[in-house]
């Protein structure tokens, strides 16, 4: 059940971020859910490999190159998902930053009321 809630909240965050940025377009909530799923898979499979391969550059830039990797992975997701479009690298870069902020703002929705 937690996975479904996380998935819906991620889709909501993508819709909100696309609404805030004119360089990003989402065709609807279904496209946002598919985008959230694809971004999750990309971040789970491809991102760790890229982080490891670019580790010297990441160390040299004090971790800021990770933002570039995130932008490239967002552009990859835009190429895969129909209904999700990013106008260019800088819009993908900004989308990654704003999406992280929106996810942080929506994170209280994921908190469960049950105490262990």
Protein backbone atom coordinates (compact mmCIF):
# COMPACT_ATOMS: atom_id res chain seq x y z
CA UNK A 1 0.00 0.00 0.00
CA UNK A 2 2.89 2.36 0.76
CA UNK A 3 4.23 1.95 -2.77
CA UNK A 4 0.93 3.05 -4.29
CA UNK A 5 0.71 6.11 -2.07
CA UNK A 6 4.32 7.05 -2.89
CA UNK A 7 3.60 6.56 -6.60
CA UNK A 8 0.50 8.78 -6.54
CA UNK A 9 2.31 11.49 -4.54
CA UNK A 10 5.21 11.37 -7.03
CA UNK A 11 2.74 11.75 -9.89
CA UNK A 12 1.15 14.69 -8.09
CA UNK A 13 4.59 16.26 -7.59
CA UNK A 14 5.31 15.89 -11.31
CA UNK A 15 1.99 17.55 -12.20
CA UNK A 16 2.66 20.44 -9.80
CA UNK A 17 6.23 20.92 -11.05
CA UNK A 18 5.13 20.86 -14.69
CA UNK A 19 2.47 23.45 -13.86
CA UNK A 20 5.13 25.72 -12.32
CA UNK A 21 7.61 25.43 -15.22
CA UNK A 22 6.60 26.54 -18.71
CA UNK A 23 9.34 24.42 -20.33
CA UNK A 24 7.85 21.15 -19.07
CA UNK A 25 4.57 19.65 -20.26
CA UNK A 26 2.60 16.69 -18.91
CA UNK A 27 -0.37 15.37 -20.85
CA UNK A 28 -2.39 14.44 -17.78
CA UNK A 29 -2.31 12.55 -14.52
CA UNK A 30 -1.84 9.19 -16.26
CA UNK A 31 1.23 10.54 -18.08
CA UNK A 32 2.51 11.86 -14.73
CA UNK A 33 2.06 8.42 -13.13
CA UNK A 34 3.91 6.74 -16.00
CA UNK A 35 6.63 9.38 -15.74
CA UNK A 36 6.95 8.75 -12.00
CA UNK A 37 7.27 5.02 -12.64
CA UNK A 38 9.85 5.45 -15.42
CA UNK A 39 11.85 7.99 -13.39
CA UNK A 40 11.81 5.60 -10.45
CA UNK A 41 13.12 2.75 -12.60
CA UNK A 42 15.76 4.96 -14.21
CA UNK A 43 16.88 6.25 -10.80
CA UNK A 44 17.06 2.70 -9.44
CA UNK A 45 18.94 1.11 -12.37
CA UNK A 46 20.85 3.65 -14.47
CA UNK A 47 21.59 6.43 -11.96
CA UNK A 48 23.85 4.41 -9.63
CA UNK A 49 25.92 3.24 -12.59
CA UNK A 50 26.33 6.80 -13.87
CA UNK A 51 27.21 8.09 -10.41
CA UNK A 52 29.88 5.43 -10.08
CA UNK A 53 31.31 6.10 -13.56
CA UNK A 54 31.46 9.85 -12.98
CA UNK A 55 32.72 9.65 -9.40
CA UNK A 56 35.99 11.56 -10.06
CA UNK A 57 34.08 14.38 -11.76
CA UNK A 58 31.52 14.35 -8.97
CA UNK A 59 34.25 14.66 -6.35
CA UNK A 60 35.91 17.45 -8.32
CA UNK A 61 32.64 19.43 -8.51
CA UNK A 62 31.73 18.65 -4.88
CA UNK A 63 28.66 16.67 -5.97
CA UNK A 64 27.16 19.30 -8.26
CA UNK A 65 27.64 17.06 -11.31
CA UNK A 66 24.86 14.91 -9.85
CA UNK A 67 22.43 17.66 -10.89
CA UNK A 68 23.65 17.31 -14.47
CA UNK A 69 23.12 13.55 -14.30
CA UNK A 70 19.59 14.11 -12.96
CA UNK A 71 18.81 16.48 -15.83
CA UNK A 72 20.04 13.95 -18.39
CA UNK A 73 17.96 11.19 -16.80
CA UNK A 74 14.88 13.45 -16.86
CA UNK A 75 15.51 14.06 -20.56
CA UNK A 76 15.75 10.27 -21.04
CA UNK A 77 12.40 9.84 -19.28
CA UNK A 78 10.90 12.53 -21.53
CA UNK A 79 12.13 10.63 -24.58
CA UNK A 80 10.53 7.40 -23.32
CA UNK A 81 7.18 8.58 -21.93
CA UNK A 82 4.59 9.88 -24.38
CA UNK A 83 2.77 12.83 -22.86
CA UNK A 84 5.80 14.09 -20.94
CA UNK A 85 7.98 16.66 -22.67
CA UNK A 86 10.92 18.80 -21.59
CA UNK A 87 12.06 21.63 -23.86
CA UNK A 88 15.77 21.32 -23.24
CA UNK A 89 18.60 20.58 -20.86
CA UNK A 90 18.16 23.67 -18.70
CA UNK A 91 14.44 23.04 -18.26
CA UNK A 92 15.26 19.45 -17.25
CA UNK A 93 17.89 20.79 -14.84
CA UNK A 94 15.37 23.19 -13.29
CA UNK A 95 12.68 20.48 -13.28
CA UNK A 96 14.94 18.22 -11.22
CA UNK A 97 15.56 20.93 -8.63
CA UNK A 98 11.92 22.05 -8.38
CA UNK A 99 10.71 18.43 -8.30
CA UNK A 100 12.95 17.74 -5.31
CA UNK A 101 11.52 20.79 -3.52
CA UNK A 102 7.92 19.80 -4.33
CA UNK A 103 8.56 16.21 -3.20
CA UNK A 104 9.95 17.58 0.05
CA UNK A 105 6.86 19.75 0.49
CA UNK A 106 4.55 16.79 -0.18
CA UNK A 107 6.46 14.39 2.06
CA UNK A 108 4.10 14.92 5.04
CA UNK A 109 1.41 13.17 2.95
CA UNK A 110 3.51 10.01 3.15
CA UNK A 111 3.77 9.94 6.92
CA UNK A 112 1.70 7.22 8.52
CA UNK A 113 -0.30 7.90 11.67
CA UNK A 114 0.31 4.44 13.08
CA UNK A 115 3.01 4.28 15.73
CA UNK A 116 5.17 1.17 16.08
